[in-house]
């Protein structure tokens, strides 16, 4: 379980680095937020599943379709420019309690 948590932590760290890097480039995977969200809904049936605040006041969001399992992670800067950071398949909603400190996570 500790190995899985470490892998997850490294993955999230890499995602945040990629999100920060995405705004340093001119990328065709970026656009105005309203247009990006509309296309995710129309083309893939995805709706927002989670949201968080990243570095430099960037909003990180996960969009997914509970019917098809597709998912997309976006990052939006304060000016409203949204970039696609990652996408994939087999999205699942989980509700797991955090491990209690000092107890085995198994």
PDB file of N, CA and C in Angstrom:
ATOM      1  N   UNK A   1       0.826  -1.188   0.000  1.00  0.00           N
ATOM      2  CA  UNK A   1       0.000   0.000   0.000  1.00  0.00           C
ATOM      3  C   UNK A   1       0.872   1.255   0.000  1.00  0.00           C
ATOM      4  N   UNK A   2       1.988   1.205   0.755  1.00  0.00           N
ATOM      5  CA  UNK A   2       2.879   2.359   0.775  1.00  0.00           C
ATOM      6  C   UNK A   2       3.450   2.612  -0.607  1.00  0.00           C
ATOM      7  N   UNK A   3       3.726   1.534  -1.334  1.00  0.00           N
ATOM      8  CA  UNK A   3       4.261   1.671  -2.687  1.00  0.00           C
ATOM      9  C   UNK A   3       3.223   2.354  -3.596  1.00  0.00           C
ATOM     10  N   UNK A   4       1.951   1.982  -3.437  1.00  0.00           N
ATOM     11  CA  UNK A   4       0.891   2.584  -4.235  1.00  0.00           C
ATOM     12  C   UNK A   4       0.741   4.065  -3.913  1.00  0.00           C
ATOM     13  N   UNK A   5       0.833   4.424  -2.625  1.00  0.00           N
ATOM     14  CA  UNK A   5       0.730   5.828  -2.244  1.00  0.00           C
ATOM     15  C   UNK A   5       1.905   6.625  -2.790  1.00  0.00           C
ATOM     16  N   UNK A   6       3.093   6.048  -2.764  1.00  0.00           N
ATOM     17  CA  UNK A   6       4.261   6.721  -3.315  1.00  0.00           C
ATOM     18  C   UNK A   6       4.098   6.923  -4.812  1.00  0.00           C
ATOM     19  N   UNK A   7       3.626   5.891  -5.500  1.00  0.00           N
ATOM     20  CA  UNK A   7       3.403   6.002  -6.946  1.00  0.00           C
ATOM     21  C   UNK A   7       2.367   7.070  -7.241  1.00  0.00           C
ATOM     22  N   UNK A   8       1.284   7.094  -6.477  1.00  0.00           N
ATOM     23  CA  UNK A   8       0.250   8.107  -6.663  1.00  0.00           C
ATOM     24  C   UNK A   8       0.809   9.501  -6.412  1.00  0.00           C
ATOM     25  N   UNK A   9       1.593   9.666  -5.358  1.00  0.00           N
ATOM     26  CA  UNK A   9       2.185  10.973  -5.044  1.00  0.00           C
ATOM     27  C   UNK A   9       3.101  11.445  -6.155  1.00  0.00           C
ATOM     28  N   UNK A  10       3.907  10.545  -6.683  1.00  0.00           N
ATOM     29  CA  UNK A  10       4.800  10.913  -7.784  1.00  0.00           C
ATOM     30  C   UNK A  10       4.003  11.296  -9.023  1.00  0.00           C
ATOM     31  N   UNK A  11       2.918  10.575  -9.276  1.00  0.00           N
ATOM     32  CA  UNK A  11       2.066  10.882 -10.430  1.00  0.00           C
ATOM     33  C   UNK A  11       1.422  12.245 -10.304  1.00  0.00           C
ATOM     34  N   UNK A  12       0.926  12.576  -9.117  1.00  0.00           N
ATOM     35  CA  UNK A  12       0.306  13.882  -8.899  1.00  0.00           C
ATOM     36  C   UNK A  12       1.354  14.985  -9.041  1.00  0.00           C
ATOM     37  N   UNK A  13       2.550  14.752  -8.510  1.00  0.00           N
ATOM     38  CA  UNK A  13       3.626  15.734  -8.648  1.00  0.00           C
ATOM     39  C   UNK A  13       3.978  15.983 -10.104  1.00  0.00           C
ATOM     40  N   UNK A  14       4.073  14.913 -10.878  1.00  0.00           N
ATOM     41  CA  UNK A  14       4.379  15.047 -12.305  1.00  0.00           C
ATOM     42  C   UNK A  14       3.272  15.800 -13.020  1.00  0.00           C
ATOM     43  N   UNK A  15       2.021  15.540 -12.635  1.00  0.00           N
ATOM     44  CA  UNK A  15       0.889  16.238 -13.238  1.00  0.00           C
ATOM     45  C   UNK A  15       0.952  17.730 -12.956  1.00  0.00           C
ATOM     46  N   UNK A  16       1.273  18.103 -11.721  1.00  0.00           N
ATOM     47  CA  UNK A  16       1.361  19.522 -11.391  1.00  0.00           C
ATOM     48  C   UNK A  16       2.493  20.207 -12.149  1.00  0.00           C
ATOM     49  N   UNK A  17       3.614  19.510 -12.304  1.00  0.00           N
ATOM     50  CA  UNK A  17       4.709  20.071 -13.104  1.00  0.00           C
ATOM     51  C   UNK A  17       4.282  20.243 -14.552  1.00  0.00           C
ATOM     52  N   UNK A  18       3.581  19.252 -15.077  1.00  0.00           N
ATOM     53  CA  UNK A  18       3.102  19.335 -16.464  1.00  0.00           C
ATOM     54  C   UNK A  18       2.113  20.471 -16.616  1.00  0.00           C
ATOM     55  N   UNK A  19       1.265  20.666 -15.614  1.00  0.00           N
ATOM     56  CA  UNK A  19       0.269  21.736 -15.678  1.00  0.00           C
ATOM     57  C   UNK A  19       0.956  23.095 -15.702  1.00  0.00           C
ATOM     58  N   UNK A  20       1.963  23.278 -14.863  1.00  0.00           N
ATOM     59  CA  UNK A  20       2.699  24.532 -14.841  1.00  0.00           C
ATOM     60  C   UNK A  20       3.423  24.738 -16.161  1.00  0.00           C
ATOM     61  N   UNK A  21       3.988  23.681 -16.692  1.00  0.00           N
ATOM     62  CA  UNK A  21       4.728  23.745 -17.953  1.00  0.00           C
ATOM     63  C   UNK A  21       3.798  24.049 -19.127  1.00  0.00           C
ATOM     64  N   UNK A  22       2.556  23.599 -19.045  1.00  0.00           N
ATOM     65  CA  UNK A  22       1.614  23.777 -20.156  1.00  0.00           C
ATOM     66  C   UNK A  22       1.392  25.246 -20.489  1.00  0.00           C
ATOM     67  N   UNK A  23       1.419  26.117 -19.486  1.00  0.00           N
ATOM     68  CA  UNK A  23       1.178  27.522 -19.748  1.00  0.00           C
ATOM     69  C   UNK A  23       2.423  28.247 -20.231  1.00  0.00           C
ATOM     70  N   UNK A  24       3.562  27.597 -20.211  1.00  0.00           N
ATOM     71  CA  UNK A  24       4.786  28.196 -20.711  1.00  0.00           C
ATOM     72  C   UNK A  24       4.949  27.987 -22.203  1.00  0.00           C
ATOM     73  N   UNK A  25       4.027  27.287 -22.827  1.00  0.00           N
ATOM     74  CA  UNK A  25       4.128  26.967 -24.239  1.00  0.00           C
ATOM     75  C   UNK A  25       2.918  27.509 -24.987  1.00  0.00           C
ATOM     76  N   UNK A  26       3.107  27.747 -26.266  1.00  0.00           N
ATOM     77  CA  UNK A  26       1.961  27.992 -27.118  1.00  0.00           C
ATOM     78  C   UNK A  26       1.497  26.614 -27.548  1.00  0.00           C
ATOM     79  N   UNK A  27       0.294  26.260 -27.178  1.00  0.00           N
ATOM     80  CA  UNK A  27      -0.159  24.893 -27.358  1.00  0.00           C
ATOM     81  C   UNK A  27      -1.530  24.892 -28.017  1.00  0.00           C
ATOM     82  N   UNK A  28      -1.711  24.068 -29.004  1.00  0.00           N
ATOM     83  CA  UNK A  28      -3.019  23.995 -29.648  1.00  0.00           C
ATOM     84  C   UNK A  28      -4.045  23.277 -28.781  1.00  0.00           C
ATOM     85  N   UNK A  29      -3.629  22.732 -27.633  1.00  0.00           N
ATOM     86  CA  UNK A  29      -4.557  22.087 -26.714  1.00  0.00           C
ATOM     87  C   UNK A  29      -5.067  23.062 -25.661  1.00  0.00           C
ATOM     88  N   UNK A  30      -5.005  24.361 -25.964  1.00  0.00           N
ATOM     89  CA  UNK A  30      -5.481  25.393 -25.048  1.00  0.00           C
ATOM     90  C   UNK A  30      -6.545  26.234 -25.737  1.00  0.00           C
ATOM     91  N   UNK A  31      -7.414  26.823 -24.934  1.00  0.00           N
ATOM     92  CA  UNK A  31      -8.447  27.696 -25.474  1.00  0.00           C
ATOM     93  C   UNK A  31      -9.183  28.377 -24.339  1.00  0.00           C
ATOM     94  N   UNK A  32     -10.140  29.206 -24.683  1.00  0.00           N
ATOM     95  CA  UNK A  32     -10.951  29.861 -23.666  1.00  0.00           C
ATOM     96  C   UNK A  32     -11.763  28.799 -22.917  1.00  0.00           C
ATOM     97  N   UNK A  33     -11.855  28.946 -21.607  1.00  0.00           N
ATOM     98  CA  UNK A  33     -12.453  27.928 -20.738  1.00  0.00           C
ATOM     99  C   UNK A  33     -13.840  27.506 -21.193  1.00  0.00           C
ATOM    100  N   UNK A  34     -14.695  28.451 -21.499  1.00  0.00           N
ATOM    101  CA  UNK A  34     -16.076  28.128 -21.884  1.00  0.00           C
ATOM    102  C   UNK A  34     -16.114  27.221 -23.111  1.00  0.00           C
ATOM    103  N   UNK A  35     -15.269  27.489 -24.073  1.00  0.00           N
ATOM    104  CA  UNK A  35     -15.223  26.680 -25.293  1.00  0.00           C
ATOM    105  C   UNK A  35     -14.694  25.271 -25.009  1.00  0.00           C
ATOM    106  N   UNK A  36     -13.649  25.179 -24.184  1.00  0.00           N
ATOM    107  CA  UNK A  36     -13.082  23.868 -23.846  1.00  0.00           C
ATOM    108  C   UNK A  36     -14.114  23.006 -23.127  1.00  0.00           C
ATOM    109  N   UNK A  37     -14.798  23.586 -22.149  1.00  0.00           N
ATOM    110  CA  UNK A  37     -15.801  22.833 -21.382  1.00  0.00           C
ATOM    111  C   UNK A  37     -16.959  22.402 -22.277  1.00  0.00           C
ATOM    112  N   UNK A  38     -17.373  23.285 -23.166  1.00  0.00           N
ATOM    113  CA  UNK A  38     -18.454  22.947 -24.102  1.00  0.00           C
ATOM    114  C   UNK A  38     -18.061  21.762 -24.983  1.00  0.00           C
ATOM    115  N   UNK A  39     -16.844  21.773 -25.476  1.00  0.00           N
ATOM    116  CA  UNK A  39     -16.396  20.674 -26.341  1.00  0.00           C
ATOM    117  C   UNK A  39     -16.251  19.366 -25.576  1.00  0.00           C
ATOM    118  N   UNK A  40     -15.775  19.424 -24.329  1.00  0.00           N
ATOM    119  CA  UNK A  40     -15.680  18.197 -23.529  1.00  0.00           C
ATOM    120  C   UNK A  40     -17.068  17.601 -23.309  1.00  0.00           C
ATOM    121  N   UNK A  41     -18.051  18.451 -23.086  1.00  0.00           N
ATOM    122  CA  UNK A  41     -19.425  17.972 -22.873  1.00  0.00           C
ATOM    123  C   UNK A  41     -20.022  17.435 -24.168  1.00  0.00           C
ATOM    124  N   UNK A  42     -19.888  18.198 -25.251  1.00  0.00           N
ATOM    125  CA  UNK A  42     -20.520  17.811 -26.525  1.00  0.00           C
ATOM    126  C   UNK A  42     -19.872  16.577 -27.151  1.00  0.00           C
ATOM    127  N   UNK A  43     -18.566  16.528 -27.180  1.00  0.00           N
ATOM    128  CA  UNK A  43     -17.864  15.438 -27.872  1.00  0.00           C
ATOM    129  C   UNK A  43     -17.702  14.175 -27.039  1.00  0.00           C
ATOM    130  N   UNK A  44     -17.525  14.355 -25.726  1.00  0.00           N
ATOM    131  CA  UNK A  44     -17.211  13.197 -24.886  1.00  0.00           C
ATOM    132  C   UNK A  44     -18.214  12.953 -23.767  1.00  0.00           C
ATOM    133  N   UNK A  45     -19.175  13.840 -23.597  1.00  0.00           N
ATOM    134  CA  UNK A  45     -20.161  13.682 -22.529  1.00  0.00           C
ATOM    135  C   UNK A  45     -19.559  13.870 -21.146  1.00  0.00           C
ATOM    136  N   UNK A  46     -18.448  14.607 -21.065  1.00  0.00           N
ATOM    137  CA  UNK A  46     -17.752  14.773 -19.792  1.00  0.00           C
ATOM    138  C   UNK A  46     -18.267  15.991 -19.032  1.00  0.00           C
ATOM    139  N   UNK A  47     -18.367  15.838 -17.722  1.00  0.00           N
ATOM    140  CA  UNK A  47     -18.727  16.938 -16.829  1.00  0.00           C
ATOM    141  C   UNK A  47     -17.702  16.999 -15.703  1.00  0.00           C
ATOM    142  N   UNK A  48     -17.646  18.123 -15.008  1.00  0.00           N
ATOM    143  CA  UNK A  48     -16.637  18.295 -13.959  1.00  0.00           C
ATOM    144  C   UNK A  48     -16.916  17.349 -12.799  1.00  0.00           C
ATOM    145  N   UNK A  49     -15.864  16.646 -12.381  1.00  0.00           N
ATOM    146  CA  UNK A  49     -15.958  15.693 -11.273  1.00  0.00           C
ATOM    147  C   UNK A  49     -15.213  16.181 -10.038  1.00  0.00           C
ATOM    148  N   UNK A  50     -14.160  16.981 -10.231  1.00  0.00           N
ATOM    149  CA  UNK A  50     -13.418  17.523  -9.093  1.00  0.00           C
ATOM    150  C   UNK A  50     -12.689  18.792  -9.519  1.00  0.00           C
ATOM    151  N   UNK A  51     -12.280  19.572  -8.512  1.00  0.00           N
ATOM    152  CA  UNK A  51     -11.634  20.856  -8.757  1.00  0.00           C
ATOM    153  C   UNK A  51     -10.654  21.143  -7.626  1.00  0.00           C
ATOM    154  N   UNK A  52      -9.571  21.846  -7.936  1.00  0.00           N
ATOM    155  CA  UNK A  52      -8.596  22.237  -6.928  1.00  0.00           C
ATOM    156  C   UNK A  52      -7.820  23.451  -7.401  1.00  0.00           C
ATOM    157  N   UNK A  53      -7.144  24.104  -6.474  1.00  0.00           N
ATOM    158  CA  UNK A  53      -6.351  25.277  -6.796  1.00  0.00           C
ATOM    159  C   UNK A  53      -4.880  24.897  -6.805  1.00  0.00           C
ATOM    160  N   UNK A  54      -4.211  25.148  -7.926  1.00  0.00           N
ATOM    161  CA  UNK A  54      -2.799  24.842  -8.074  1.00  0.00           C
ATOM    162  C   UNK A  54      -1.940  26.073  -7.877  1.00  0.00           C
ATOM    163  N   UNK A  55      -0.684  25.966  -8.270  1.00  0.00           N
ATOM    164  CA  UNK A  55       0.243  27.075  -8.138  1.00  0.00           C
ATOM    165  C   UNK A  55      -0.190  28.246  -9.013  1.00  0.00           C
ATOM    166  N   UNK A  56       0.206  29.442  -8.607  1.00  0.00           N
ATOM    167  CA  UNK A  56      -0.088  30.666  -9.354  1.00  0.00           C
ATOM    168  C   UNK A  56      -1.583  30.864  -9.619  1.00  0.00           C
ATOM    169  N   UNK A  57      -2.413  30.415  -8.671  1.00  0.00           N
ATOM    170  CA  UNK A  57      -3.871  30.553  -8.777  1.00  0.00           C
ATOM    171  C   UNK A  57      -4.460  29.880 -10.015  1.00  0.00           C
ATOM    172  N   UNK A  58      -3.848  28.811 -10.454  1.00  0.00           N
ATOM    173  CA  UNK A  58      -4.385  28.041 -11.576  1.00  0.00           C
ATOM    174  C   UNK A  58      -5.396  27.030 -11.037  1.00  0.00           C
ATOM    175  N   UNK A  59      -6.495  26.891 -11.742  1.00  0.00           N
ATOM    176  CA  UNK A  59      -7.547  25.962 -11.336  1.00  0.00           C
ATOM    177  C   UNK A  59      -7.333  24.641 -12.080  1.00  0.00           C
ATOM    178  N   UNK A  60      -7.228  23.553 -11.316  1.00  0.00           N
ATOM    179  CA  UNK A  60      -7.061  22.211 -11.876  1.00  0.00           C
ATOM    180  C   UNK A  60      -8.400  21.503 -11.744  1.00  0.00           C
ATOM    181  N   UNK A  61      -8.898  20.959 -12.868  1.00  0.00           N
ATOM    182  CA  UNK A  61     -10.199  20.298 -12.856  1.00  0.00           C
ATOM    183  C   UNK A  61     -10.109  18.937 -13.541  1.00  0.00           C
ATOM    184  N   UNK A  62     -10.913  18.016 -13.049  1.00  0.00           N
ATOM    185  CA  UNK A  62     -11.047  16.708 -13.684  1.00  0.00           C
ATOM    186  C   UNK A  62     -12.463  16.616 -14.226  1.00  0.00           C
ATOM    187  N   UNK A  63     -12.560  16.360 -15.528  1.00  0.00           N
ATOM    188  CA  UNK A  63     -13.835  16.144 -16.199  1.00  0.00           C
ATOM    189  C   UNK A  63     -13.900  14.671 -16.575  1.00  0.00           C
ATOM    190  N   UNK A  64     -15.082  14.076 -16.493  1.00  0.00           N
ATOM    191  CA  UNK A  64     -15.212  12.668 -16.843  1.00  0.00           C
ATOM    192  C   UNK A  64     -16.644  12.353 -17.245  1.00  0.00           C
ATOM    193  N   UNK A  65     -16.774  11.293 -18.006  1.00  0.00           N
ATOM    194  CA  UNK A  65     -18.085  10.749 -18.348  1.00  0.00           C
ATOM    195  C   UNK A  65     -18.268   9.470 -17.547  1.00  0.00           C
ATOM    196  N   UNK A  66     -19.278   9.439 -16.703  1.00  0.00           N
ATOM    197  CA  UNK A  66     -19.547   8.239 -15.914  1.00  0.00           C
ATOM    198  C   UNK A  66     -20.120   7.129 -16.782  1.00  0.00           C
ATOM    199  N   UNK A  67     -20.616   7.471 -17.974  1.00  0.00           N
ATOM    200  CA  UNK A  67     -21.172   6.465 -18.886  1.00  0.00           C
ATOM    201  C   UNK A  67     -20.081   5.778 -19.705  1.00  0.00           C
ATOM    202  N   UNK A  68     -19.165   6.574 -20.287  1.00  0.00           N
ATOM    203  CA  UNK A  68     -18.147   5.995 -21.174  1.00  0.00           C
ATOM    204  C   UNK A  68     -16.819   5.745 -20.470  1.00  0.00           C
ATOM    205  N   UNK A  69     -16.577   6.425 -19.343  1.00  0.00           N
ATOM    206  CA  UNK A  69     -15.329   6.254 -18.614  1.00  0.00           C
ATOM    207  C   UNK A  69     -14.197   7.141 -19.098  1.00  0.00           C
ATOM    208  N   UNK A  70     -14.442   8.010 -20.103  1.00  0.00           N
ATOM    209  CA  UNK A  70     -13.376   8.910 -20.535  1.00  0.00           C
ATOM    210  C   UNK A  70     -13.180  10.002 -19.497  1.00  0.00           C
ATOM    211  N   UNK A  71     -11.953  10.542 -19.403  1.00  0.00           N
ATOM    212  CA  UNK A  71     -11.654  11.610 -18.459  1.00  0.00           C
ATOM    213  C   UNK A  71     -10.626  12.567 -19.061  1.00  0.00           C
ATOM    214  N   UNK A  72     -10.649  13.798 -18.572  1.00  0.00           N
ATOM    215  CA  UNK A  72      -9.732  14.839 -19.013  1.00  0.00           C
ATOM    216  C   UNK A  72      -9.360  15.701 -17.821  1.00  0.00           C
ATOM    217  N   UNK A  73      -8.075  16.040 -17.707  1.00  0.00           N
ATOM    218  CA  UNK A  73      -7.616  16.962 -16.673  1.00  0.00           C
ATOM    219  C   UNK A  73      -7.248  18.270 -17.364  1.00  0.00           C
ATOM    220  N   UNK A  74      -7.784  19.370 -16.845  1.00  0.00           N
ATOM    221  CA  UNK A  74      -7.497  20.688 -17.407  1.00  0.00           C
ATOM    222  C   UNK A  74      -6.882  21.589 -16.347  1.00  0.00           C
ATOM    223  N   UNK A  75      -6.173  22.612 -16.815  1.00  0.00           N
ATOM    224  CA  UNK A  75      -5.642  23.655 -15.942  1.00  0.00           C
ATOM    225  C   UNK A  75      -6.028  24.993 -16.571  1.00  0.00           C
ATOM    226  N   UNK A  76      -6.621  25.870 -15.757  1.00  0.00           N
ATOM    227  CA  UNK A  76      -7.055  27.176 -16.235  1.00  0.00           C
ATOM    228  C   UNK A  76      -6.303  28.270 -15.483  1.00  0.00           C
ATOM    229  N   UNK A  77      -5.706  29.195 -16.228  1.00  0.00           N
ATOM    230  CA  UNK A  77      -4.979  30.295 -15.584  1.00  0.00           C
ATOM    231  C   UNK A  77      -5.950  31.417 -15.221  1.00  0.00           C
ATOM    232  N   UNK A  78      -5.522  32.389 -14.431  1.00  0.00           N
ATOM    233  CA  UNK A  78      -6.431  33.458 -14.007  1.00  0.00           C
ATOM    234  C   UNK A  78      -7.032  34.264 -15.165  1.00  0.00           C
ATOM    235  N   UNK A  79      -6.396  34.261 -16.331  1.00  0.00           N
ATOM    236  CA  UNK A  79      -6.922  34.991 -17.488  1.00  0.00           C
ATOM    237  C   UNK A  79      -8.015  34.222 -18.213  1.00  0.00           C
ATOM    238  N   UNK A  80      -8.271  32.976 -17.805  1.00  0.00           N
ATOM    239  CA  UNK A  80      -9.334  32.184 -18.417  1.00  0.00           C
ATOM    240  C   UNK A  80      -8.887  31.250 -19.526  1.00  0.00           C
ATOM    241  N   UNK A  81      -7.575  31.152 -19.751  1.00  0.00           N
ATOM    242  CA  UNK A  81      -7.056  30.226 -20.759  1.00  0.00           C
ATOM    243  C   UNK A  81      -6.963  28.834 -20.129  1.00  0.00           C
ATOM    244  N   UNK A  82      -7.592  27.852 -20.775  1.00  0.00           N
ATOM    245  CA  UNK A  82      -7.625  26.479 -20.265  1.00  0.00           C
ATOM    246  C   UNK A  82      -6.813  25.584 -21.176  1.00  0.00           C
ATOM    247  N   UNK A  83      -5.957  24.743 -20.569  1.00  0.00           N
ATOM    248  CA  UNK A  83      -5.152  23.791 -21.328  1.00  0.00           C
ATOM    249  C   UNK A  83      -5.493  22.373 -20.889  1.00  0.00           C
ATOM    250  N   UNK A  84      -5.530  21.462 -21.865  1.00  0.00           N
ATOM    251  CA  UNK A  84      -5.710  20.043 -21.573  1.00  0.00           C
ATOM    252  C   UNK A  84      -4.358  19.495 -21.154  1.00  0.00           C
ATOM    253  N   UNK A  85      -4.316  18.858 -19.992  1.00  0.00           N
ATOM    254  CA  UNK A  85      -3.063  18.345 -19.453  1.00  0.00           C
ATOM    255  C   UNK A  85      -2.937  16.845 -19.671  1.00  0.00           C
ATOM    256  N   UNK A  86      -4.038  16.131 -19.499  1.00  0.00           N
ATOM    257  CA  UNK A  86      -4.028  14.676 -19.657  1.00  0.00           C
ATOM    258  C   UNK A  86      -5.440  14.206 -19.937  1.00  0.00           C
ATOM    259  N   UNK A  87      -5.545  13.038 -20.555  1.00  0.00           N
ATOM    260  CA  UNK A  87      -6.854  12.429 -20.790  1.00  0.00           C
ATOM    261  C   UNK A  87      -6.683  10.926 -20.871  1.00  0.00           C
ATOM    262  N   UNK A  88      -7.781  10.216 -20.708  1.00  0.00           N
ATOM    263  CA  UNK A  88      -7.695   8.764 -20.763  1.00  0.00           C
ATOM    264  C   UNK A  88      -9.051   8.107 -20.654  1.00  0.00           C
ATOM    265  N   UNK A  89      -9.022   6.841 -20.273  1.00  0.00           N
ATOM    266  CA  UNK A  89     -10.225   6.024 -20.186  1.00  0.00           C
ATOM    267  C   UNK A  89     -10.296   5.324 -18.838  1.00  0.00           C
ATOM    268  N   UNK A  90     -11.399   4.666 -18.593  1.00  0.00           N
ATOM    269  CA  UNK A  90     -11.637   3.845 -17.395  1.00  0.00           C
ATOM    270  C   UNK A  90     -11.719   4.665 -16.116  1.00  0.00           C
ATOM    271  N   UNK A  91     -12.372   5.820 -16.177  1.00  0.00           N
ATOM    272  CA  UNK A  91     -12.564   6.651 -14.994  1.00  0.00           C
ATOM    273  C   UNK A  91     -13.489   5.945 -14.014  1.00  0.00           C
ATOM    274  N   UNK A  92     -13.132   6.017 -12.730  1.00  0.00           N
ATOM    275  CA  UNK A  92     -13.970   5.473 -11.664  1.00  0.00           C
ATOM    276  C   UNK A  92     -14.016   6.467 -10.518  1.00  0.00           C
ATOM    277  N   UNK A  93     -15.159   6.589  -9.891  1.00  0.00           N
ATOM    278  CA  UNK A  93     -15.297   7.436  -8.713  1.00  0.00           C
ATOM    279  C   UNK A  93     -15.016   6.589  -7.483  1.00  0.00           C
ATOM    280  N   UNK A  94     -14.146   7.074  -6.615  1.00  0.00           N
ATOM    281  CA  UNK A  94     -13.794   6.359  -5.397  1.00  0.00           C
ATOM    282  C   UNK A  94     -14.083   7.223  -4.184  1.00  0.00           C
ATOM    283  N   UNK A  95     -14.369   6.584  -3.084  1.00  0.00           N
ATOM    284  CA  UNK A  95     -14.547   7.273  -1.821  1.00  0.00           C
ATOM    285  C   UNK A  95     -13.793   6.467  -0.767  1.00  0.00           C
ATOM    286  N   UNK A  96     -12.541   6.833  -0.566  1.00  0.00           N
ATOM    287  CA  UNK A  96     -11.690   6.104   0.373  1.00  0.00           C
ATOM    288  C   UNK A  96     -11.307   6.994   1.530  1.00  0.00           C
ATOM    289  N   UNK A  97     -11.304   6.421   2.713  1.00  0.00           N
ATOM    290  CA  UNK A  97     -10.884   7.164   3.905  1.00  0.00           C
ATOM    291  C   UNK A  97      -9.360   7.192   3.946  1.00  0.00           C
ATOM    292  N   UNK A  98      -8.814   8.290   4.440  1.00  0.00           N
ATOM    293  CA  UNK A  98      -7.365   8.404   4.602  1.00  0.00           C
ATOM    294  C   UNK A  98      -6.917   7.462   5.708  1.00  0.00           C
ATOM    295  N   UNK A  99      -5.722   6.861   5.559  1.00  0.00           N
ATOM    296  CA  UNK A  99      -5.230   5.971   6.618  1.00  0.00           C
ATOM    297  C   UNK A  99      -4.989   6.743   7.910  1.00  0.00           C
ATOM    298  N   UNK A 100      -5.237   6.101   9.028  1.00  0.00           N
ATOM    299  CA  UNK A 100      -5.008   6.705  10.341  1.00  0.00           C
ATOM    300  C   UNK A 100      -3.510   6.684  10.620  1.00  0.00           C
ATOM    301  N   UNK A 101      -2.966   7.814  11.096  1.00  0.00           N
ATOM    302  CA  UNK A 101      -1.530   7.906  11.384  1.00  0.00           C
ATOM    303  C   UNK A 101      -1.132   6.853  12.409  1.00  0.00           C
ATOM    304  N   UNK A 102      -0.047   6.159  12.124  1.00  0.00           N
ATOM    305  CA  UNK A 102       0.471   5.163  13.045  1.00  0.00           C
ATOM    306  C   UNK A 102      -0.104   3.770  12.840  1.00  0.00           C
ATOM    307  N   UNK A 103      -1.105   3.632  11.985  1.00  0.00           N
ATOM    308  CA  UNK A 103      -1.701   2.326  11.707  1.00  0.00           C
ATOM    309  C   UNK A 103      -1.327   1.872  10.305  1.00  0.00           C
ATOM    310  N   UNK A 104      -1.325   0.576  10.101  1.00  0.00           N
ATOM    311  CA  UNK A 104      -1.032   0.021   8.803  1.00  0.00           C
ATOM    312  C   UNK A 104      -2.075   0.469   7.793  1.00  0.00           C
ATOM    313  N   UNK A 105      -1.631   0.815   6.603  1.00  0.00           N
ATOM    314  CA  UNK A 105      -2.562   1.263   5.560  1.00  0.00           C
ATOM    315  C   UNK A 105      -3.190   0.091   4.834  1.00  0.00           C
ATOM    316  N   UNK A 106      -2.842  -1.112   5.177  1.00  0.00           N
ATOM    317  CA  UNK A 106      -3.409  -2.290   4.527  1.00  0.00           C
ATOM    318  C   UNK A 106      -4.753  -2.508   5.055  1.00  0.00           C
TER     319      UNK A 106
END
